[in-house]
Protein backbone atom coordinates (compact mmCIF):
# COMPACT_ATOMS: atom_id res chain seq x y z
CA MET A 1 5.41 -29.26 2.97
CA PRO A 2 2.42 -27.37 1.50
CA ASN A 3 2.13 -27.04 -2.27
CA SER A 4 0.42 -24.37 -4.36
CA SER A 5 0.97 -24.97 -8.06
CA ASN A 6 -1.18 -21.96 -9.05
CA VAL A 7 0.70 -19.35 -7.01
CA ARG A 8 1.30 -16.03 -8.75
CA PHE A 9 4.63 -14.29 -8.24
CA GLU A 10 3.54 -10.82 -9.35
CA LEU A 11 6.85 -9.48 -8.02
CA LEU A 12 8.64 -11.28 -10.85
CA GLU A 13 6.45 -9.40 -13.36
CA SER A 14 6.67 -6.07 -11.54
CA ASP A 15 8.89 -4.28 -14.07
CA SER A 16 5.92 -4.13 -16.42
CA GLN A 17 2.36 -4.78 -15.32
CA TYR A 18 2.83 -4.12 -11.60
CA SER A 19 5.61 -1.52 -11.51
CA GLN A 20 3.31 1.14 -10.03
CA TYR A 21 2.96 -0.96 -6.87
CA LEU A 22 6.70 -1.29 -6.17
CA VAL A 23 8.16 0.25 -3.02
CA ARG A 24 11.86 1.07 -3.41
CA ASP A 25 12.57 3.63 -0.70
CA PRO A 26 14.61 1.77 1.99
CA ARG A 27 12.78 3.54 4.82
CA GLU A 28 9.41 2.52 3.44
CA VAL A 29 10.57 -1.06 2.86
CA ARG A 30 11.77 -1.31 6.47
CA PHE A 31 8.52 0.24 7.69
CA VAL A 32 6.42 -2.42 5.92
CA ILE A 33 8.61 -5.24 7.30
CA LYS A 34 8.30 -3.76 10.80
CA GLN A 35 4.52 -3.63 10.39
CA LEU A 36 4.56 -7.33 9.46
CA ALA A 37 6.49 -8.00 12.68
CA ALA A 38 4.13 -5.89 14.81
CA LYS A 39 1.05 -7.66 13.45
CA ARG A 40 2.65 -11.13 13.46
CA ALA A 41 1.50 -11.58 9.87
CA LEU A 42 1.79 -15.11 8.49
CA ILE A 43 4.13 -15.24 5.48
CA SER A 44 4.13 -17.92 2.80
CA ALA A 45 7.78 -18.43 1.80
CA TYR A 46 8.79 -20.14 -1.46
CA PRO A 47 12.45 -21.22 -1.94
CA ASP A 48 13.76 -20.52 -5.46
CA ASP A 49 10.26 -19.89 -6.94
CA SER A 50 9.20 -23.42 -5.98
CA PRO A 51 5.46 -24.20 -5.66
CA ASN A 52 6.31 -25.69 -2.23
CA PHE A 53 6.11 -23.21 0.61
CA GLY A 54 6.31 -22.93 4.37
CA LEU A 55 4.76 -20.52 6.84
CA THR A 56 6.90 -18.08 8.78
CA THR A 57 6.63 -14.72 10.55
CA VAL A 58 8.91 -11.74 11.12
CA LEU A 59 10.20 -12.10 14.71
CA GLU A 60 12.18 -8.89 14.92
CA ALA A 61 12.73 -5.97 12.55
CA GLY A 62 14.06 -3.26 14.80
CA GLY A 63 17.54 -4.51 15.65
CA ASN A 64 19.47 -2.76 12.87
CA GLU A 65 19.04 -1.09 9.50
CA GLN A 66 20.46 -3.97 7.46
CA SER A 67 18.69 -7.18 8.47
CA PHE A 68 15.71 -8.66 10.28
CA VAL A 69 14.80 -12.03 11.82
CA LEU A 70 12.34 -14.64 10.51
CA ASP A 71 10.97 -17.66 12.30
CA VAL A 72 11.84 -21.13 11.00
CA ALA A 73 9.16 -23.22 9.30
CA ALA A 74 7.68 -26.33 10.89
CA ASP A 75 9.16 -28.58 8.18
CA ALA A 76 12.88 -29.41 8.61
CA ALA A 77 13.33 -30.20 4.90
CA LEU A 78 11.85 -26.85 3.96
CA ASN A 79 14.17 -25.02 6.37
CA GLU A 80 17.09 -26.73 4.63
CA ALA A 81 15.66 -25.61 1.27
CA PHE A 82 15.46 -22.04 2.58
CA GLU A 83 19.08 -22.18 3.71
CA ASN A 84 20.31 -23.52 0.36
CA ALA A 85 18.10 -21.36 -1.87
CA ASP A 86 19.54 -18.47 -3.87
CA SER A 87 16.36 -16.53 -3.08
CA VAL A 88 13.09 -16.89 -1.21
CA ILE A 89 9.85 -15.25 -2.39
CA CYS A 90 7.63 -14.12 0.50
CA ILE A 91 3.90 -13.48 0.12
CA THR A 92 1.66 -12.10 2.85
CA GLN A 93 -1.17 -9.66 3.63
CA LEU A 94 -0.96 -6.35 5.50
CA ASP A 95 -4.18 -4.45 6.15
CA ARG A 96 -5.88 -6.51 3.41
CA VAL A 97 -3.19 -5.53 0.88
CA LYS A 98 -1.09 -8.27 -0.72
CA VAL A 99 2.64 -7.85 -0.05
CA GLN A 100 5.48 -9.67 -1.85
CA PHE A 101 9.24 -9.44 -1.52
CA ARG A 102 12.29 -11.46 -2.44
CA LEU A 103 14.99 -12.34 0.09
CA ASP A 104 18.43 -13.13 -1.32
CA GLY A 105 19.76 -15.82 0.98
CA LEU A 106 18.70 -16.76 4.52
CA VAL A 107 21.23 -17.42 7.27
CA ARG A 108 20.49 -19.66 10.26
CA VAL A 109 20.82 -17.87 13.59
CA GLN A 110 19.71 -18.17 17.20
CA HIS A 111 17.09 -15.68 18.33
CA ASN A 112 16.06 -15.67 21.99
CA ASN A 113 17.67 -19.11 22.33
CA ALA A 114 15.57 -20.54 19.50
CA PRO A 115 16.42 -21.32 15.85
CA ALA A 116 15.59 -18.60 13.34
CA PHE A 117 16.75 -17.07 10.05
CA SER A 118 18.44 -13.73 9.47
CA ALA A 119 17.66 -11.93 6.21
CA LYS A 120 18.81 -8.69 4.63
CA TYR A 121 16.06 -6.17 3.96
CA PRO A 122 14.90 -6.48 0.34
CA ASP A 123 15.81 -3.65 -2.03
CA LYS A 124 12.16 -3.46 -3.12
CA LEU A 125 8.78 -4.93 -2.28
CA LEU A 126 5.41 -5.10 -3.94
CA ARG A 127 2.24 -3.81 -2.30
CA LEU A 128 -0.33 -5.13 -4.74
CA GLN A 129 -3.35 -2.87 -4.37
CA ARG A 130 -5.81 -3.71 -7.12
CA ARG A 131 -9.30 -4.52 -5.88
CA GLU A 132 -8.82 -4.13 -2.14
CA TYR A 133 -7.12 -0.80 -1.58
CA PHE A 134 -6.01 0.37 1.79
CA ARG A 135 -7.92 3.62 2.25
CA LEU A 136 -6.25 6.33 4.27
CA VAL A 137 -8.58 8.74 6.06
CA ALA A 138 -7.16 12.18 5.31
CA PRO A 139 -5.54 13.79 8.37
CA VAL A 140 -7.49 16.78 9.69
CA ALA A 141 -4.31 18.68 10.56
CA HIS A 142 -2.92 18.46 7.00
CA ALA A 143 -5.81 18.73 4.60
CA ILE A 144 -5.68 17.27 1.09
CA ASN A 145 -7.50 19.29 -1.54
CA CYS A 146 -8.47 18.48 -5.09
CA PHE A 147 -9.37 21.24 -7.54
CA ILE A 148 -11.96 19.94 -10.00
CA PRO A 149 -12.96 21.81 -13.18
CA LEU A 150 -16.75 21.61 -13.48
CA PRO A 151 -19.24 23.28 -15.83
CA THR A 152 -21.91 25.42 -14.16
CA ALA A 153 -24.79 27.56 -15.39
CA THR A 154 -22.51 30.60 -15.38
CA GLY A 155 -19.48 28.89 -16.96
CA ASP A 156 -16.71 26.58 -15.90
CA ARG A 157 -15.64 26.72 -12.27
CA ASN A 158 -12.61 25.21 -10.55
CA TYR A 159 -14.24 23.63 -7.50
CA GLU A 160 -12.01 23.13 -4.43
CA ALA A 161 -13.02 19.76 -2.98
CA ARG A 162 -11.90 18.48 0.42
CA VAL A 163 -10.51 14.94 0.19
CA LEU A 164 -12.03 12.61 2.80
CA ASP A 165 -9.90 9.56 2.10
CA ILE A 166 -7.39 8.37 -0.49
CA SER A 167 -5.94 5.10 -1.72
CA GLY A 168 -3.88 3.79 -4.61
CA GLY A 169 -7.06 3.40 -6.63
CA GLY A 170 -8.93 6.62 -5.99
CA LEU A 171 -10.25 9.10 -3.48
CA ALA A 172 -13.44 10.34 -1.87
CA ILE A 173 -14.34 14.01 -1.79
CA VAL A 174 -17.05 16.26 -0.40
CA ALA A 175 -19.25 16.76 -3.45
CA PRO A 176 -19.80 20.32 -4.71
CA PRO A 177 -23.02 22.26 -4.16
CA SER A 178 -25.99 21.69 -6.44
CA GLY A 179 -24.83 24.34 -8.86
CA ALA A 180 -22.05 22.02 -10.10
CA GLN A 181 -23.46 18.54 -10.46
CA LEU A 182 -21.51 15.29 -10.28
CA HIS A 183 -23.01 12.01 -11.41
CA PRO A 184 -21.82 8.37 -11.50
CA ASP A 185 -19.60 7.43 -14.48
CA MET A 186 -18.76 11.10 -15.07
CA GLU A 187 -15.09 11.38 -16.08
CA ILE A 188 -13.27 14.58 -15.15
CA PRO A 189 -9.81 15.29 -16.62
CA ASN A 190 -7.30 17.91 -15.45
CA CYS A 191 -8.09 17.70 -11.75
CA ARG A 192 -5.33 19.14 -9.57
CA LEU A 193 -4.54 17.14 -6.45
CA GLU A 194 -2.58 18.92 -3.73
CA ILE A 195 -0.84 16.58 -1.27
CA PRO A 196 1.19 18.04 1.63
CA ASP A 197 4.94 18.32 0.96
CA SER A 198 4.50 17.43 -2.73
CA PRO A 199 4.04 19.52 -5.87
CA PRO A 200 0.48 19.62 -7.29
CA ILE A 201 -0.30 16.69 -9.59
CA LEU A 202 -2.77 16.47 -12.46
CA ILE A 203 -5.14 13.48 -12.45
CA THR A 204 -8.27 12.25 -14.20
CA LEU A 205 -11.13 11.13 -11.97
CA LYS A 206 -14.16 8.97 -12.71
CA VAL A 207 -17.09 9.31 -10.33
CA ARG A 208 -18.17 5.87 -9.09
CA ASN A 209 -20.79 6.68 -6.46
CA ILE A 210 -22.42 9.56 -4.57
CA PHE A 211 -24.23 9.30 -1.26
CA ARG A 212 -25.13 11.41 1.75
CA VAL A 213 -23.12 11.07 4.98
CA THR A 214 -23.46 12.66 8.41
CA GLN A 215 -20.32 14.22 9.83
CA ARG A 216 -19.30 14.13 13.49
CA ASN A 217 -20.69 17.64 14.04
CA GLY A 218 -24.11 16.50 12.79
CA THR A 219 -24.03 18.24 9.42
CA GLU A 220 -24.80 16.28 6.26
CA VAL A 221 -22.63 16.36 3.14
CA LEU A 222 -22.56 14.51 -0.16
CA ARG A 223 -19.63 12.12 -0.50
CA ALA A 224 -18.39 11.32 -4.01
CA GLY A 225 -16.22 8.24 -4.43
CA CYS A 226 -13.89 8.65 -7.42
CA GLN A 227 -11.54 6.30 -9.26
CA PHE A 228 -8.19 7.33 -10.73
CA VAL A 229 -8.12 6.92 -14.52
CA GLY A 230 -4.85 6.31 -16.37
CA LEU A 231 -2.74 7.15 -13.33
CA GLN A 232 0.93 7.57 -14.26
CA THR A 233 3.51 5.54 -12.33
CA ALA A 234 5.26 8.66 -11.01
CA THR A 235 1.96 10.06 -9.75
CA ALA A 236 0.99 6.73 -8.16
CA ASN A 237 4.34 6.70 -6.37
CA ILE A 238 3.73 10.19 -4.90
CA ILE A 239 0.35 9.06 -3.54
CA HIS A 240 1.77 5.78 -2.25
CA ARG A 241 4.67 7.53 -0.48
CA TYR A 242 2.25 9.96 1.16
CA ILE A 243 0.03 7.11 2.45
CA LEU A 244 3.05 5.27 3.86
CA LYS A 245 4.37 8.45 5.51
CA VAL A 246 1.08 9.13 7.27
CA GLU A 247 0.87 5.47 8.36
CA ARG A 248 4.42 5.65 9.67
CA ASP A 249 3.79 8.91 11.56
CA ARG A 250 0.61 7.54 13.13
CA ALA A 251 2.37 4.33 14.19
CA SER A 252 5.19 6.37 15.76
CA ARG A 253 2.73 8.44 17.81
CA VAL A 254 0.95 5.30 19.03
CA ALA A 255 4.28 3.74 20.07
CA GLN A 256 5.28 6.78 22.15
């Protein structure tokens, strides 16, 4: 029975410090669980917030809309602890992003003639994107634009920047022409980000880096990597929902 006395249950603190990383939409919760099943992600499961944990995986998450199936752990005593626990905290990684969720009660079942656990989908889960953000390359068919107010020699100009990729921590844009300079550590308030199927949102960006990249057609552009500054929870949720939707749509097309 493995032990990790220093484990952090950020999910238990999520109503304050980590609330912006919570996923509450049932469709998005189910999508993440199904992704864990598809990638056979190893899950560390802790009964009743215990430092003792066992390893499991999601065996099936497409049977119905209410529950999914988890594998049993290798340790019989730990399986008994899972069965008797009021809740089980699950911690895993998906595309280098830490994922946590709480399961309220596991029920022993048979799955494909082997022992397993049935669990109800959690009502929320935590995708903890702090240092390692999953970066979504912006779809070509549905462009994301960011309007950036920049001073120029002839006065302020609202520059329309094409977004190259986006994450929970920031975005990358095609830098403006030389007439409107960007530089690292430059902070730009009142930028207007336009995401498909969402109202425009105001954000503050901080330029982190600028470098030259060659596009597929051979042309060179300047890429500016920007960090979100003081992002509001509601705004972070809009961005997060958009990233999940694009992921879900891409996964559906691959499965067809």
